[in-house]
PDB file of all heavy atoms in Angstrom:
ATOM      1  N   GLY A   1       0.889  -1.188  -0.054  1.00  0.00           N
ATOM      2  CA  GLY A   1      -0.112   0.089   0.026  1.00  0.00           C
ATOM      3  C   GLY A   1       0.860   1.227   0.097  1.00  0.00           C
ATOM      4  O   GLY A   1       1.960   1.210  -0.559  1.00  0.00           O
ATOM      5  N   GLY A   2       0.356   2.339   0.631  1.00  0.00           N
ATOM      6  CA  GLY A   2       1.130   3.532   0.681  1.00  0.00           C
ATOM      7  C   GLY A   2       0.182   4.721   0.426  1.00  0.00           C
ATOM      8  O   GLY A   2      -0.931   4.590   0.174  1.00  0.00           O
ATOM      9  N   LYS A   3       0.777   5.964   0.606  1.00  0.00           N
ATOM     10  CA  LYS A   3       0.000   7.218   0.416  1.00  0.00           C
ATOM     11  C   LYS A   3      -0.627   7.224  -1.050  1.00  0.00           C
ATOM     12  O   LYS A   3      -1.671   7.929  -1.092  1.00  0.00           O
ATOM     13  CB  LYS A   3       0.814   8.411   0.728  1.00  0.00           C
ATOM     14  CG  LYS A   3       1.070   8.520   2.290  1.00  0.00           C
ATOM     15  CD  LYS A   3       1.333   9.891   2.542  1.00  0.00           C
ATOM     16  CE  LYS A   3       1.464  10.080   3.988  1.00  0.00           C
ATOM     17  NZ  LYS A   3       0.388  10.608   4.667  1.00  0.00           N
ATOM     18  N   GLY A   4      -0.010   6.777  -1.916  1.00  0.00           N
ATOM     19  CA  GLY A   4      -0.597   6.822  -3.316  1.00  0.00           C
ATOM     20  C   GLY A   4      -1.801   5.993  -3.560  1.00  0.00           C
ATOM     21  O   GLY A   4      -2.279   5.917  -4.637  1.00  0.00           O
ATOM     22  N   GLY A   5      -2.361   5.311  -2.563  1.00  0.00           N
ATOM     23  CA  GLY A   5      -3.498   4.435  -2.666  1.00  0.00           C
ATOM     24  C   GLY A   5      -2.967   3.032  -3.184  1.00  0.00           C
ATOM     25  O   GLY A   5      -1.916   2.745  -3.401  1.00  0.00           O
ATOM     26  N   VAL A   6      -4.072   2.242  -3.562  1.00  0.00           N
ATOM     27  CA  VAL A   6      -3.846   0.978  -4.065  1.00  0.00           C
ATOM     28  C   VAL A   6      -3.747   0.982  -5.549  1.00  0.00           C
ATOM     29  O   VAL A   6      -4.838   1.128  -6.262  1.00  0.00           O
ATOM     30  CB  VAL A   6      -4.812  -0.133  -3.518  1.00  0.00           C
ATOM     31  CG1 VAL A   6      -4.657  -1.553  -4.086  1.00  0.00           C
ATOM     32  CG2 VAL A   6      -4.854  -0.203  -2.128  1.00  0.00           C
ATOM     33  N   ARG A   7      -2.555   1.020  -6.076  1.00  0.00           N
ATOM     34  CA  ARG A   7      -2.422   0.856  -7.568  1.00  0.00           C
ATOM     35  C   ARG A   7      -1.466  -0.219  -7.799  1.00  0.00           C
ATOM     36  O   ARG A   7      -0.511  -0.464  -7.053  1.00  0.00           O
ATOM     37  CB  ARG A   7      -1.788   2.204  -7.947  1.00  0.00           C
ATOM     38  CG  ARG A   7      -2.539   3.448  -7.910  1.00  0.00           C
ATOM     39  CD  ARG A   7      -1.735   4.614  -8.401  1.00  0.00           C
ATOM     40  NE  ARG A   7      -0.475   4.665  -7.565  1.00  0.00           N
ATOM     41  CZ  ARG A   7       0.534   5.263  -7.927  1.00  0.00           C
ATOM     42  NH1 ARG A   7       0.627   6.028  -9.004  1.00  0.00           N
ATOM     43  NH2 ARG A   7       1.643   5.246  -7.191  1.00  0.00           N
ATOM     44  N   MET A   8      -1.700  -1.037  -8.842  1.00  0.00           N
ATOM     45  CA  MET A   8      -0.994  -2.170  -9.018  1.00  0.00           C
ATOM     46  C   MET A   8      -0.162  -1.958 -10.233  1.00  0.00           C
ATOM     47  O   MET A   8      -0.640  -1.516 -11.329  1.00  0.00           O
ATOM     48  CB  MET A   8      -1.833  -3.390  -9.254  1.00  0.00           C
ATOM     49  CG  MET A   8      -1.098  -4.749  -9.450  1.00  0.00           C
ATOM     50  SD  MET A   8      -2.141  -6.202  -9.727  1.00  0.00           S
ATOM     51  CE  MET A   8      -3.003  -6.213  -8.179  1.00  0.00           C
ATOM     52  N   PHE A   9       1.163  -2.264 -10.201  1.00  0.00           N
ATOM     53  CA  PHE A   9       1.978  -2.173 -11.358  1.00  0.00           C
ATOM     54  C   PHE A   9       3.085  -3.298 -11.191  1.00  0.00           C
ATOM     55  O   PHE A   9       3.331  -3.874 -10.104  1.00  0.00           O
ATOM     56  CB  PHE A   9       2.605  -0.811 -11.570  1.00  0.00           C
ATOM     57  CG  PHE A   9       3.582  -0.369 -10.410  1.00  0.00           C
ATOM     58  CD1 PHE A   9       4.907  -0.521 -10.554  1.00  0.00           C
ATOM     59  CD2 PHE A   9       3.070   0.168  -9.254  1.00  0.00           C
ATOM     60  CE1 PHE A   9       5.876  -0.127  -9.462  1.00  0.00           C
ATOM     61  CE2 PHE A   9       3.942   0.539  -8.222  1.00  0.00           C
ATOM     62  CZ  PHE A   9       5.289   0.308  -8.297  1.00  0.00           C
ATOM     63  N   ALA A  10       3.840  -3.580 -12.246  1.00  0.00           N
ATOM     64  CA  ALA A  10       4.672  -4.644 -12.276  1.00  0.00           C
ATOM     65  C   ALA A  10       5.993  -4.238 -13.017  1.00  0.00           C
ATOM     66  O   ALA A  10       6.031  -3.397 -13.774  1.00  0.00           O
ATOM     67  CB  ALA A  10       4.127  -5.853 -12.945  1.00  0.00           C
ATOM     68  N   THR A  11       7.045  -4.995 -12.768  1.00  0.00           N
ATOM     69  CA  THR A  11       8.304  -4.736 -13.405  1.00  0.00           C
ATOM     70  C   THR A  11       8.883  -6.170 -13.919  1.00  0.00           C
ATOM     71  O   THR A  11       8.570  -7.048 -13.318  1.00  0.00           O
ATOM     72  CB  THR A  11       9.484  -4.141 -12.513  1.00  0.00           C
ATOM     73  OG1 THR A  11       9.664  -4.965 -11.428  1.00  0.00           O
ATOM     74  CG2 THR A  11       9.020  -2.775 -11.913  1.00  0.00           C
ATOM     75  N   VAL A  12       9.707  -6.079 -15.060  1.00  0.00           N
ATOM     76  CA  VAL A  12      10.346  -7.239 -15.506  1.00  0.00           C
ATOM     77  C   VAL A  12      11.767  -6.966 -15.848  1.00  0.00           C
ATOM     78  O   VAL A  12      12.015  -5.844 -16.493  1.00  0.00           O
ATOM     79  CB  VAL A  12       9.617  -7.828 -16.761  1.00  0.00           C
ATOM     80  CG1 VAL A  12      10.288  -9.045 -17.312  1.00  0.00           C
ATOM     81  CG2 VAL A  12       8.068  -8.040 -16.331  1.00  0.00           C
ATOM     82  N   ASP A  13      12.688  -7.844 -15.563  1.00  0.00           N
ATOM     83  CA  ASP A  13      14.009  -7.585 -15.887  1.00  0.00           C
ATOM     84  C   ASP A  13      14.627  -8.943 -16.249  1.00  0.00           C
ATOM     85  O   ASP A  13      14.295  -9.987 -15.764  1.00  0.00           O
ATOM     86  CB  ASP A  13      14.857  -6.995 -14.771  1.00  0.00           C
ATOM     87  CG  ASP A  13      16.274  -6.575 -15.073  1.00  0.00           C
ATOM     88  OD1 ASP A  13      16.440  -6.446 -16.279  1.00  0.00           O
ATOM     89  OD2 ASP A  13      17.137  -6.381 -14.134  1.00  0.00           O
ATOM     90  N   SER A  14      15.529  -8.904 -17.291  1.00  0.00           N
ATOM     91  CA  SER A  14      16.198 -10.137 -17.769  1.00  0.00           C
ATOM     92  C   SER A  14      17.687  -9.972 -18.044  1.00  0.00           C
ATOM     93  O   SER A  14      18.092  -8.742 -18.506  1.00  0.00           O
ATOM     94  CB  SER A  14      15.464 -10.600 -19.169  1.00  0.00           C
ATOM     95  OG  SER A  14      14.129 -10.993 -18.886  1.00  0.00           O
ATOM     96  N   SER A  15      18.409 -10.899 -17.883  1.00  0.00           N
ATOM     97  CA  SER A  15      19.742 -10.875 -18.257  1.00  0.00           C
ATOM     98  C   SER A  15      20.021 -12.100 -19.118  1.00  0.00           C
ATOM     99  O   SER A  15      19.550 -13.133 -18.788  1.00  0.00           O
ATOM    100  CB  SER A  15      20.799 -10.843 -17.050  1.00  0.00           C
ATOM    101  OG  SER A  15      20.525 -12.103 -16.345  1.00  0.00           O
ATOM    102  N   TYR A  16      20.848 -12.005 -20.173  1.00  0.00           N
ATOM    103  CA  TYR A  16      20.972 -13.150 -21.155  1.00  0.00           C
ATOM    104  C   TYR A  16      22.432 -13.657 -21.116  1.00  0.00           C
ATOM    105  O   TYR A  16      23.301 -12.945 -21.332  1.00  0.00           O
ATOM    106  CB  TYR A  16      20.627 -12.753 -22.504  1.00  0.00           C
ATOM    107  CG  TYR A  16      19.131 -12.394 -22.622  1.00  0.00           C
ATOM    108  CD1 TYR A  16      18.795 -11.097 -22.521  1.00  0.00           C
ATOM    109  CD2 TYR A  16      18.228 -13.478 -22.650  1.00  0.00           C
ATOM    110  CE1 TYR A  16      17.421 -10.719 -22.600  1.00  0.00           C
ATOM    111  CE2 TYR A  16      16.776 -13.112 -22.769  1.00  0.00           C
ATOM    112  CZ  TYR A  16      16.436 -11.828 -22.746  1.00  0.00           C
ATOM    113  OH  TYR A  16      15.115 -11.494 -22.754  1.00  0.00           O
ATOM    114  N   ALA A  17      22.610 -14.909 -20.719  1.00  0.00           N
ATOM    115  CA  ALA A  17      23.867 -15.662 -20.749  1.00  0.00           C
ATOM    116  C   ALA A  17      24.879 -14.837 -19.975  1.00  0.00           C
ATOM    117  O   ALA A  17      26.040 -14.816 -20.405  1.00  0.00           O
ATOM    118  CB  ALA A  17      24.280 -15.771 -22.179  1.00  0.00           C
ATOM    119  N   THR A  18      24.535 -14.338 -18.824  1.00  0.00           N
ATOM    120  CA  THR A  18      25.561 -13.654 -18.031  1.00  0.00           C
ATOM    121  C   THR A  18      26.243 -14.395 -16.989  1.00  0.00           C
ATOM    122  O   THR A  18      27.173 -13.850 -16.331  1.00  0.00           O
ATOM    123  CB  THR A  18      24.871 -12.384 -17.336  1.00  0.00           C
ATOM    124  OG1 THR A  18      23.886 -12.864 -16.410  1.00  0.00           O
ATOM    125  CG2 THR A  18      24.202 -11.409 -18.319  1.00  0.00           C
ATOM    126  N   HIS A  19      25.995 -15.699 -16.944  1.00  0.00           N
ATOM    127  CA  HIS A  19      26.543 -16.463 -15.960  1.00  0.00           C
ATOM    128  C   HIS A  19      27.488 -17.455 -16.508  1.00  0.00           C
ATOM    129  O   HIS A  19      27.402 -17.750 -17.696  1.00  0.00           O
ATOM    130  CB  HIS A  19      25.529 -17.139 -15.071  1.00  0.00           C
ATOM    131  CG  HIS A  19      24.532 -16.151 -14.542  1.00  0.00           C
ATOM    132  ND1 HIS A  19      24.770 -15.290 -13.448  1.00  0.00           N
ATOM    133  CD2 HIS A  19      23.329 -15.912 -14.875  1.00  0.00           C
ATOM    134  CE1 HIS A  19      23.833 -14.559 -13.171  1.00  0.00           C
ATOM    135  NE2 HIS A  19      22.815 -14.917 -14.001  1.00  0.00           N
ATOM    136  N   ASP A  20      28.346 -18.048 -15.701  1.00  0.00           N
ATOM    137  CA  ASP A  20      29.432 -19.042 -16.285  1.00  0.00           C
ATOM    138  C   ASP A  20      28.704 -20.176 -16.891  1.00  0.00           C
ATOM    139  O   ASP A  20      29.276 -20.776 -17.902  1.00  0.00           O
ATOM    140  CB  ASP A  20      30.237 -19.449 -15.138  1.00  0.00           C
ATOM    141  CG  ASP A  20      31.019 -18.525 -14.401  1.00  0.00           C
ATOM    142  OD1 ASP A  20      31.279 -17.431 -15.073  1.00  0.00           O
ATOM    143  OD2 ASP A  20      31.538 -18.739 -13.242  1.00  0.00           O
ATOM    144  N   ASP A  21      27.504 -20.584 -16.591  1.00  0.00           N
ATOM    145  CA  ASP A  21      26.917 -21.763 -17.205  1.00  0.00           C
ATOM    146  C   ASP A  21      25.981 -21.408 -18.434  1.00  0.00           C
ATOM    147  O   ASP A  21      25.422 -22.004 -18.967  1.00  0.00           O
ATOM    148  CB  ASP A  21      26.021 -22.521 -16.293  1.00  0.00           C
ATOM    149  CG  ASP A  21      24.826 -21.637 -15.679  1.00  0.00           C
ATOM    150  OD1 ASP A  21      24.772 -20.462 -15.989  1.00  0.00           O
ATOM    151  OD2 ASP A  21      24.109 -22.205 -14.856  1.00  0.00           O
ATOM    152  N   LEU A  22      26.116 -20.012 -18.888  1.00  0.00           N
ATOM    153  CA  LEU A  22      25.477 -19.524 -20.057  1.00  0.00           C
ATOM    154  C   LEU A  22      23.968 -19.496 -19.931  1.00  0.00           C
ATOM    155  O   LEU A  22      23.319 -19.663 -20.877  1.00  0.00           O
ATOM    156  CB  LEU A  22      25.995 -19.998 -21.333  1.00  0.00           C
ATOM    157  CG  LEU A  22      27.540 -19.784 -21.526  1.00  0.00           C
ATOM    158  CD1 LEU A  22      27.912 -20.383 -22.929  1.00  0.00           C
ATOM    159  CD2 LEU A  22      27.796 -18.321 -21.645  1.00  0.00           C
ATOM    160  N   LYS A  23      23.401 -19.472 -18.678  1.00  0.00           N
ATOM    161  CA  LYS A  23      22.005 -19.546 -18.503  1.00  0.00           C
ATOM    162  C   LYS A  23      21.520 -18.095 -18.376  1.00  0.00           C
ATOM    163  O   LYS A  23      22.221 -17.337 -17.810  1.00  0.00           O
ATOM    164  CB  LYS A  23      21.719 -20.344 -17.275  1.00  0.00           C
ATOM    165  CG  LYS A  23      22.147 -21.822 -17.202  1.00  0.00           C
ATOM    166  CD  LYS A  23      21.316 -22.539 -18.141  1.00  0.00           C
ATOM    167  CE  LYS A  23      21.722 -24.107 -18.045  1.00  0.00           C
ATOM    168  NZ  LYS A  23      21.126 -24.942 -19.085  1.00  0.00           N
ATOM    169  N   SER A  24      20.304 -17.780 -18.870  1.00  0.00           N
ATOM    170  CA  SER A  24      19.646 -16.596 -18.643  1.00  0.00           C
ATOM    171  C   SER A  24      18.975 -16.512 -17.352  1.00  0.00           C
ATOM    172  O   SER A  24      18.682 -17.556 -16.725  1.00  0.00           O
ATOM    173  CB  SER A  24      18.799 -16.346 -19.809  1.00  0.00           C
ATOM    174  OG  SER A  24      19.466 -16.247 -21.041  1.00  0.00           O
ATOM    175  N   HIS A  25      18.687 -15.397 -16.991  1.00  0.00           N
ATOM    176  CA  HIS A  25      18.013 -15.184 -15.664  1.00  0.00           C
ATOM    177  C   HIS A  25      17.054 -14.021 -15.816  1.00  0.00           C
ATOM    178  O   HIS A  25      17.335 -13.008 -16.304  1.00  0.00           O
ATOM    179  CB  HIS A  25      19.094 -14.823 -14.672  1.00  0.00           C
ATOM    180  CG  HIS A  25      18.527 -14.859 -13.244  1.00  0.00           C
ATOM    181  ND1 HIS A  25      18.632 -16.051 -12.500  1.00  0.00           N
ATOM    182  CD2 HIS A  25      17.972 -13.976 -12.417  1.00  0.00           C
ATOM    183  CE1 HIS A  25      18.210 -15.916 -11.214  1.00  0.00           C
ATOM    184  NE2 HIS A  25      17.726 -14.562 -11.298  1.00  0.00           N
ATOM    185  N   SER A  26      15.768 -14.232 -15.474  1.00  0.00           N
ATOM    186  CA  SER A  26      14.811 -13.243 -15.450  1.00  0.00           C
ATOM    187  C   SER A  26      14.183 -13.157 -14.150  1.00  0.00           C
ATOM    188  O   SER A  26      14.112 -14.028 -13.331  1.00  0.00           O
ATOM    189  CB  SER A  26      13.760 -13.462 -16.617  1.00  0.00           C
ATOM    190  OG  SER A  26      13.052 -14.701 -16.311  1.00  0.00           O
TER     191      SER A  26
END
């Protein structure tokens, strides 16, 4: 919640092949 009231929003972030095993992460 918060002073802005109940508003729903979302975020998405991804990284591609940034790890030693070449797996992506989101």
